[in-house]
Amino acid sequence: MSPVRRGKELPIHNRLPVLRAERGMSRAELAEAVEVNPQTIGALERGDHYPSLDLALRICAVFDLPVEAVFSRAPLEGDA
């Protein structure tokens, strides 16, 4: 099994700030909806932290979007 590559070599991009803004949602509101600390949402948005699969799916459920519309290995439209 090959090691998982992450970080600068293979980052995970997200549209969380754009999606929150479109819905008028604060970091705290999203954090409450997915049961994490608001600092976790900030870290995700900055790319300092990558979500677990469970957290990614919970976030996508809040926005009613598929994973590919929220997270990607390639930069997304509106990527921070």
PDB file of N, CA and C in Angstrom:
ATOM      1  N   MET A   1       0.850  -1.174   0.000  1.00  0.00           N
ATOM      2  CA  MET A   1       0.000   0.000   0.000  1.00  0.00           C
ATOM      3  C   MET A   1       0.892   1.233   0.000  1.00  0.00           C
ATOM      4  N   SER A   2       0.586   2.175  -0.875  1.00  0.00           N
ATOM      5  CA  SER A   2       1.385   3.392  -0.933  1.00  0.00           C
ATOM      6  C   SER A   2       0.908   4.387   0.120  1.00  0.00           C
ATOM      7  N   PRO A   3       1.811   5.235   0.600  1.00  0.00           N
ATOM      8  CA  PRO A   3       1.419   6.218   1.617  1.00  0.00           C
ATOM      9  C   PRO A   3       0.476   7.270   1.031  1.00  0.00           C
ATOM     10  N   VAL A   4      -0.351   7.819   1.879  1.00  0.00           N
ATOM     11  CA  VAL A   4      -1.266   8.885   1.477  1.00  0.00           C
ATOM     12  C   VAL A   4      -0.466  10.165   1.314  1.00  0.00           C
ATOM     13  N   ARG A   5      -0.625  10.813   0.173  1.00  0.00           N
ATOM     14  CA  ARG A   5       0.044  12.099  -0.045  1.00  0.00           C
ATOM     15  C   ARG A   5      -0.944  13.213   0.260  1.00  0.00           C
ATOM     16  N   ARG A   6      -0.473  14.196   0.951  1.00  0.00           N
ATOM     17  CA  ARG A   6      -1.331  15.339   1.260  1.00  0.00           C
ATOM     18  C   ARG A   6      -0.496  16.595   1.336  1.00  0.00           C
ATOM     19  N   GLY A   7      -1.094  17.649   1.792  1.00  0.00           N
ATOM     20  CA  GLY A   7      -0.357  18.895   1.926  1.00  0.00           C
ATOM     21  C   GLY A   7      -0.136  19.574   0.590  1.00  0.00           C
ATOM     22  N   LYS A   8       1.028  20.149   0.417  1.00  0.00           N
ATOM     23  CA  LYS A   8       1.323  20.939  -0.778  1.00  0.00           C
ATOM     24  C   LYS A   8       1.316  20.099  -2.050  1.00  0.00           C
ATOM     25  N   GLU A   9       1.679  18.816  -1.939  1.00  0.00           N
ATOM     26  CA  GLU A   9       1.716  17.950  -3.116  1.00  0.00           C
ATOM     27  C   GLU A   9       0.323  17.641  -3.662  1.00  0.00           C
ATOM     28  N   LEU A  10      -0.625  17.460  -2.799  1.00  0.00           N
ATOM     29  CA  LEU A  10      -1.968  17.061  -3.202  1.00  0.00           C
ATOM     30  C   LEU A  10      -3.001  17.684  -2.253  1.00  0.00           C
ATOM     31  N   PRO A  11      -3.179  18.991  -2.337  1.00  0.00           N
ATOM     32  CA  PRO A  11      -4.086  19.656  -1.391  1.00  0.00           C
ATOM     33  C   PRO A  11      -5.558  19.331  -1.669  1.00  0.00           C
ATOM     34  N   ILE A  12      -6.375  19.534  -0.655  1.00  0.00           N
ATOM     35  CA  ILE A  12      -7.824  19.428  -0.804  1.00  0.00           C
ATOM     36  C   ILE A  12      -8.366  20.851  -0.750  1.00  0.00           C
ATOM     37  N   HIS A  13      -8.941  21.283  -1.844  1.00  0.00           N
ATOM     38  CA  HIS A  13      -9.534  22.616  -1.925  1.00  0.00           C
ATOM     39  C   HIS A  13     -11.005  22.535  -1.509  1.00  0.00           C
ATOM     40  N   ASN A  14     -11.549  23.658  -1.074  1.00  0.00           N
ATOM     41  CA  ASN A  14     -12.966  23.671  -0.718  1.00  0.00           C
ATOM     42  C   ASN A  14     -13.589  25.028  -1.020  1.00  0.00           C
ATOM     43  N   ARG A  15     -14.903  25.034  -1.059  1.00  0.00           N
ATOM     44  CA  ARG A  15     -15.676  26.255  -1.329  1.00  0.00           C
ATOM     45  C   ARG A  15     -16.451  26.707  -0.100  1.00  0.00           C
ATOM     46  N   LEU A  16     -15.994  26.324   1.079  1.00  0.00           N
ATOM     47  CA  LEU A  16     -16.752  26.635   2.286  1.00  0.00           C
ATOM     48  C   LEU A  16     -17.035  28.124   2.473  1.00  0.00           C
ATOM     49  N   PRO A  17     -16.045  29.025   2.317  1.00  0.00           N
ATOM     50  CA  PRO A  17     -16.357  30.444   2.518  1.00  0.00           C
ATOM     51  C   PRO A  17     -17.425  30.958   1.535  1.00  0.00           C
ATOM     52  N   VAL A  18     -17.351  30.506   0.294  1.00  0.00           N
ATOM     53  CA  VAL A  18     -18.324  30.939  -0.719  1.00  0.00           C
ATOM     54  C   VAL A  18     -19.709  30.400  -0.402  1.00  0.00           C
ATOM     55  N   LEU A  19     -19.773  29.128  -0.066  1.00  0.00           N
ATOM     56  CA  LEU A  19     -21.065  28.519   0.247  1.00  0.00           C
ATOM     57  C   LEU A  19     -21.693  29.141   1.487  1.00  0.00           C
ATOM     58  N   ARG A  20     -20.870  29.414   2.493  1.00  0.00           N
ATOM     59  CA  ARG A  20     -21.402  30.072   3.696  1.00  0.00           C
ATOM     60  C   ARG A  20     -21.922  31.460   3.356  1.00  0.00           C
ATOM     61  N   ALA A  21     -21.156  32.206   2.568  1.00  0.00           N
ATOM     62  CA  ALA A  21     -21.556  33.574   2.199  1.00  0.00           C
ATOM     63  C   ALA A  21     -22.864  33.571   1.398  1.00  0.00           C
ATOM     64  N   GLU A  22     -22.986  32.638   0.462  1.00  0.00           N
ATOM     65  CA  GLU A  22     -24.209  32.546  -0.341  1.00  0.00           C
ATOM     66  C   GLU A  22     -25.436  32.299   0.523  1.00  0.00           C
ATOM     67  N   ARG A  23     -25.244  31.647   1.643  1.00  0.00           N
ATOM     68  CA  ARG A  23     -26.361  31.308   2.528  1.00  0.00           C
ATOM     69  C   ARG A  23     -26.442  32.200   3.763  1.00  0.00           C
ATOM     70  N   GLY A  24     -25.560  33.189   3.842  1.00  0.00           N
ATOM     71  CA  GLY A  24     -25.562  34.080   4.995  1.00  0.00           C
ATOM     72  C   GLY A  24     -25.260  33.348   6.285  1.00  0.00           C
ATOM     73  N   MET A  25     -24.379  32.359   6.217  1.00  0.00           N
ATOM     74  CA  MET A  25     -24.080  31.497   7.353  1.00  0.00           C
ATOM     75  C   MET A  25     -22.704  31.837   7.928  1.00  0.00           C
ATOM     76  N   SER A  26     -22.616  31.951   9.232  1.00  0.00           N
ATOM     77  CA  SER A  26     -21.333  32.212   9.883  1.00  0.00           C
ATOM     78  C   SER A  26     -20.577  30.903  10.091  1.00  0.00           C
ATOM     79  N   ARG A  27     -19.295  31.028  10.404  1.00  0.00           N
ATOM     80  CA  ARG A  27     -18.509  29.837  10.743  1.00  0.00           C
ATOM     81  C   ARG A  27     -19.129  29.123  11.943  1.00  0.00           C
ATOM     82  N   ALA A  28     -19.566  29.896  12.915  1.00  0.00           N
ATOM     83  CA  ALA A  28     -20.162  29.313  14.123  1.00  0.00           C
ATOM     84  C   ALA A  28     -21.434  28.542  13.790  1.00  0.00           C
ATOM     85  N   GLU A  29     -22.245  29.070  12.894  1.00  0.00           N
ATOM     86  CA  GLU A  29     -23.487  28.379  12.515  1.00  0.00           C
ATOM     87  C   GLU A  29     -23.188  27.061  11.789  1.00  0.00           C
ATOM     88  N   LEU A  30     -22.212  27.092  10.876  1.00  0.00           N
ATOM     89  CA  LEU A  30     -21.846  25.854  10.190  1.00  0.00           C
ATOM     90  C   LEU A  30     -21.262  24.856  11.188  1.00  0.00           C
ATOM     91  N   ALA A  31     -20.415  25.343  12.071  1.00  0.00           N
ATOM     92  CA  ALA A  31     -19.804  24.468  13.080  1.00  0.00           C
ATOM     93  C   ALA A  31     -20.886  23.801  13.936  1.00  0.00           C
ATOM     94  N   GLU A  32     -21.867  24.565  14.347  1.00  0.00           N
ATOM     95  CA  GLU A  32     -22.957  24.008  15.155  1.00  0.00           C
ATOM     96  C   GLU A  32     -23.738  22.964  14.368  1.00  0.00           C
ATOM     97  N   ALA A  33     -23.977  23.241  13.093  1.00  0.00           N
ATOM     98  CA  ALA A  33     -24.757  22.314  12.259  1.00  0.00           C
ATOM     99  C   ALA A  33     -24.053  20.975  12.063  1.00  0.00           C
ATOM    100  N   VAL A  34     -22.720  20.989  12.058  1.00  0.00           N
ATOM    101  CA  VAL A  34     -21.965  19.740  11.838  1.00  0.00           C
ATOM    102  C   VAL A  34     -21.281  19.244  13.107  1.00  0.00           C
ATOM    103  N   GLU A  35     -21.570  19.910  14.214  1.00  0.00           N
ATOM    104  CA  GLU A  35     -21.109  19.495  15.543  1.00  0.00           C
ATOM    105  C   GLU A  35     -19.586  19.475  15.680  1.00  0.00           C
ATOM    106  N   VAL A  36     -18.958  20.597  15.275  1.00  0.00           N
ATOM    107  CA  VAL A  36     -17.526  20.794  15.495  1.00  0.00           C
ATOM    108  C   VAL A  36     -17.313  22.183  16.071  1.00  0.00           C
ATOM    109  N   ASN A  37     -16.100  22.467  16.454  1.00  0.00           N
ATOM    110  CA  ASN A  37     -15.722  23.769  16.973  1.00  0.00           C
ATOM    111  C   ASN A  37     -15.606  24.761  15.810  1.00  0.00           C
ATOM    112  N   PRO A  38     -16.003  26.022  15.977  1.00  0.00           N
ATOM    113  CA  PRO A  38     -15.851  27.004  14.899  1.00  0.00           C
ATOM    114  C   PRO A  38     -14.410  27.123  14.388  1.00  0.00           C
ATOM    115  N   GLN A  39     -13.435  26.895  15.251  1.00  0.00           N
ATOM    116  CA  GLN A  39     -12.034  26.951  14.823  1.00  0.00           C
ATOM    117  C   GLN A  39     -11.732  25.854  13.801  1.00  0.00           C
ATOM    118  N   THR A  40     -12.436  24.742  13.892  1.00  0.00           N
ATOM    119  CA  THR A  40     -12.260  23.664  12.912  1.00  0.00           C
ATOM    120  C   THR A  40     -12.697  24.129  11.532  1.00  0.00           C
ATOM    121  N   ILE A  41     -13.799  24.853  11.464  1.00  0.00           N
ATOM    122  CA  ILE A  41     -14.273  25.379  10.186  1.00  0.00           C
ATOM    123  C   ILE A  41     -13.253  26.370   9.629  1.00  0.00           C
ATOM    124  N   GLY A  42     -12.712  27.223  10.476  1.00  0.00           N
ATOM    125  CA  GLY A  42     -11.680  28.164  10.040  1.00  0.00           C
ATOM    126  C   GLY A  42     -10.461  27.438   9.492  1.00  0.00           C
ATOM    127  N   ALA A  43     -10.032  26.391  10.170  1.00  0.00           N
ATOM    128  CA  ALA A  43      -8.866  25.620   9.720  1.00  0.00           C
ATOM    129  C   ALA A  43      -9.143  24.944   8.382  1.00  0.00           C
ATOM    130  N   LEU A  44     -10.356  24.438   8.199  1.00  0.00           N
ATOM    131  CA  LEU A  44     -10.723  23.837   6.915  1.00  0.00           C
ATOM    132  C   LEU A  44     -10.683  24.882   5.809  1.00  0.00           C
ATOM    133  N   GLU A  45     -11.251  26.044   6.079  1.00  0.00           N
ATOM    134  CA  GLU A  45     -11.303  27.097   5.068  1.00  0.00           C
ATOM    135  C   GLU A  45      -9.909  27.581   4.672  1.00  0.00           C
ATOM    136  N   ARG A  46      -8.996  27.625   5.607  1.00  0.00           N
ATOM    137  CA  ARG A  46      -7.619  28.066   5.320  1.00  0.00           C
ATOM    138  C   ARG A  46      -6.774  26.960   4.691  1.00  0.00           C
ATOM    139  N   GLY A  47      -7.270  25.737   4.735  1.00  0.00           N
ATOM    140  CA  GLY A  47      -6.503  24.612   4.220  1.00  0.00           C
ATOM    141  C   GLY A  47      -5.489  24.092   5.213  1.00  0.00           C
ATOM    142  N   ASP A  48      -5.628  24.489   6.468  1.00  0.00           N
ATOM    143  CA  ASP A  48      -4.731  24.018   7.526  1.00  0.00           C
ATOM    144  C   ASP A  48      -5.119  22.630   8.025  1.00  0.00           C
ATOM    145  N   HIS A  49      -6.319  22.217   7.706  1.00  0.00           N
ATOM    146  CA  HIS A  49      -6.853  20.938   8.186  1.00  0.00           C
ATOM    147  C   HIS A  49      -7.713  20.351   7.078  1.00  0.00           C
ATOM    148  N   TYR A  50      -7.671  19.041   6.909  1.00  0.00           N
ATOM    149  CA  TYR A  50      -8.531  18.355   5.943  1.00  0.00           C
ATOM    150  C   TYR A  50      -9.602  17.608   6.716  1.00  0.00           C
ATOM    151  N   PRO A  51     -10.839  17.599   6.198  1.00  0.00           N
ATOM    152  CA  PRO A  51     -11.908  16.928   6.927  1.00  0.00           C
ATOM    153  C   PRO A  51     -11.815  15.413   6.826  1.00  0.00           C
ATOM    154  N   SER A  52     -12.310  14.748   7.843  1.00  0.00           N
ATOM    155  CA  SER A  52     -12.519  13.302   7.732  1.00  0.00           C
ATOM    156  C   SER A  52     -13.646  13.104   6.722  1.00  0.00           C
ATOM    157  N   LEU A  53     -13.802  11.895   6.247  1.00  0.00           N
ATOM    158  CA  LEU A  53     -14.899  11.606   5.326  1.00  0.00           C
ATOM    159  C   LEU A  53     -16.233  11.898   5.998  1.00  0.00           C
ATOM    160  N   ASP A  54     -16.359  11.524   7.261  1.00  0.00           N
ATOM    161  CA  ASP A  54     -17.594  11.771   7.994  1.00  0.00           C
ATOM    162  C   ASP A  54     -17.909  13.270   8.052  1.00  0.00           C
ATOM    163  N   LEU A  55     -16.917  14.073   8.394  1.00  0.00           N
ATOM    164  CA  LEU A  55     -17.143  15.513   8.485  1.00  0.00           C
ATOM    165  C   LEU A  55     -17.452  16.101   7.110  1.00  0.00           C
ATOM    166  N   ALA A  56     -16.751  15.676   6.082  1.00  0.00           N
ATOM    167  CA  ALA A  56     -17.018  16.178   4.732  1.00  0.00           C
ATOM    168  C   ALA A  56     -18.462  15.882   4.327  1.00  0.00           C
ATOM    169  N   LEU A  57     -18.932  14.687   4.621  1.00  0.00           N
ATOM    170  CA  LEU A  57     -20.311  14.332   4.274  1.00  0.00           C
ATOM    171  C   LEU A  57     -21.330  15.128   5.082  1.00  0.00           C
ATOM    172  N   ARG A  58     -21.028  15.375   6.357  1.00  0.00           N
ATOM    173  CA  ARG A  58     -21.936  16.198   7.168  1.00  0.00           C
ATOM    174  C   ARG A  58     -22.002  17.624   6.629  1.00  0.00           C
ATOM    175  N   ILE A  59     -20.856  18.172   6.226  1.00  0.00           N
ATOM    176  CA  ILE A  59     -20.828  19.521   5.654  1.00  0.00           C
ATOM    177  C   ILE A  59     -21.634  19.557   4.360  1.00  0.00           C
ATOM    178  N   CYS A  60     -21.433  18.571   3.502  1.00  0.00           N
ATOM    179  CA  CYS A  60     -22.162  18.529   2.233  1.00  0.00           C
ATOM    180  C   CYS A  60     -23.663  18.417   2.455  1.00  0.00           C
ATOM    181  N   ALA A  61     -24.075  17.703   3.487  1.00  0.00           N
ATOM    182  CA  ALA A  61     -25.499  17.572   3.800  1.00  0.00           C
ATOM    183  C   ALA A  61     -26.095  18.924   4.198  1.00  0.00           C
ATOM    184  N   VAL A  62     -25.336  19.725   4.922  1.00  0.00           N
ATOM    185  CA  VAL A  62     -25.821  21.059   5.316  1.00  0.00           C
ATOM    186  C   VAL A  62     -26.106  21.900   4.075  1.00  0.00           C
ATOM    187  N   PHE A  63     -25.218  21.823   3.092  1.00  0.00           N
ATOM    188  CA  PHE A  63     -25.371  22.614   1.875  1.00  0.00           C
ATOM    189  C   PHE A  63     -26.201  21.903   0.811  1.00  0.00           C
ATOM    190  N   ASP A  64     -26.592  20.648   1.070  1.00  0.00           N
ATOM    191  CA  ASP A  64     -27.365  19.842   0.126  1.00  0.00           C
ATOM    192  C   ASP A  64     -26.660  19.767  -1.227  1.00  0.00           C
ATOM    193  N   LEU A  65     -25.352  19.477  -1.166  1.00  0.00           N
ATOM    194  CA  LEU A  65     -24.524  19.393  -2.366  1.00  0.00           C
ATOM    195  C   LEU A  65     -23.699  18.110  -2.330  1.00  0.00           C
ATOM    196  N   PRO A  66     -23.331  17.603  -3.516  1.00  0.00           N
ATOM    197  CA  PRO A  66     -22.442  16.438  -3.540  1.00  0.00           C
ATOM    198  C   PRO A  66     -21.028  16.842  -3.117  1.00  0.00           C
ATOM    199  N   VAL A  67     -20.263  15.882  -2.682  1.00  0.00           N
ATOM    200  CA  VAL A  67     -18.900  16.138  -2.217  1.00  0.00           C
ATOM    201  C   VAL A  67     -18.093  16.899  -3.266  1.00  0.00           C
ATOM    202  N   GLU A  68     -18.237  16.533  -4.539  1.00  0.00           N
ATOM    203  CA  GLU A  68     -17.456  17.148  -5.611  1.00  0.00           C
ATOM    204  C   GLU A  68     -17.756  18.637  -5.783  1.00  0.00           C
ATOM    205  N   ALA A  69     -18.904  19.095  -5.307  1.00  0.00           N
ATOM    206  CA  ALA A  69     -19.255  20.506  -5.411  1.00  0.00           C
ATOM    207  C   ALA A  69     -18.681  21.327  -4.263  1.00  0.00           C
ATOM    208  N   VAL A  70     -18.182  20.650  -3.230  1.00  0.00           N
ATOM    209  CA  VAL A  70     -17.664  21.331  -2.050  1.00  0.00           C
ATOM    210  C   VAL A  70     -16.159  21.136  -1.898  1.00  0.00           C
ATOM    211  N   PHE A  71     -15.677  19.927  -2.175  1.00  0.00           N
ATOM    212  CA  PHE A  71     -14.262  19.583  -1.995  1.00  0.00           C
ATOM    213  C   PHE A  71     -13.690  19.043  -3.292  1.00  0.00           C
ATOM    214  N   SER A  72     -12.401  19.351  -3.536  1.00  0.00           N
ATOM    215  CA  SER A  72     -11.763  18.871  -4.763  1.00  0.00           C
ATOM    216  C   SER A  72     -10.238  18.887  -4.603  1.00  0.00           C
ATOM    217  N   ARG A  73      -9.556  18.044  -5.381  1.00  0.00           N
ATOM    218  CA  ARG A  73      -8.088  18.083  -5.450  1.00  0.00           C
ATOM    219  C   ARG A  73      -7.640  19.249  -6.333  1.00  0.00           C
ATOM    220  N   ALA A  74      -8.485  19.691  -7.236  1.00  0.00           N
ATOM    221  CA  ALA A  74      -8.180  20.834  -8.114  1.00  0.00           C
ATOM    222  C   ALA A  74      -8.891  22.068  -7.573  1.00  0.00           C
ATOM    223  N   PRO A  75      -8.321  23.245  -7.793  1.00  0.00           N
ATOM    224  CA  PRO A  75      -9.003  24.461  -7.334  1.00  0.00           C
ATOM    225  C   PRO A  75     -10.427  24.547  -7.893  1.00  0.00           C
ATOM    226  N   LEU A  76     -11.343  24.984  -7.052  1.00  0.00           N
ATOM    227  CA  LEU A  76     -12.744  25.135  -7.423  1.00  0.00           C
ATOM    228  C   LEU A  76     -13.054  26.615  -7.642  1.00  0.00           C
ATOM    229  N   GLU A  77     -14.101  26.896  -8.379  1.00  0.00           N
ATOM    230  CA  GLU A  77     -14.553  28.279  -8.550  1.00  0.00           C
ATOM    231  C   GLU A  77     -14.890  28.838  -7.177  1.00  0.00           C
ATOM    232  N   GLY A  78     -14.332  29.987  -6.862  1.00  0.00           N
ATOM    233  CA  GLY A  78     -14.561  30.585  -5.556  1.00  0.00           C
ATOM    234  C   GLY A  78     -13.689  30.009  -4.474  1.00  0.00           C
ATOM    235  N   ASP A  79     -12.685  29.231  -4.863  1.00  0.00           N
ATOM    236  CA  ASP A  79     -11.765  28.634  -3.886  1.00  0.00           C
ATOM    237  C   ASP A  79     -11.013  29.736  -3.165  1.00  0.00           C
ATOM    238  N   ALA A  80     -10.900  29.582  -1.851  1.00  0.00           N
ATOM    239  CA  ALA A  80     -10.251  30.607  -1.033  1.00  0.00           C
ATOM    240  C   ALA A  80      -8.761  30.656  -1.280  1.00  0.00           C
TER     241      ALA A  80
END
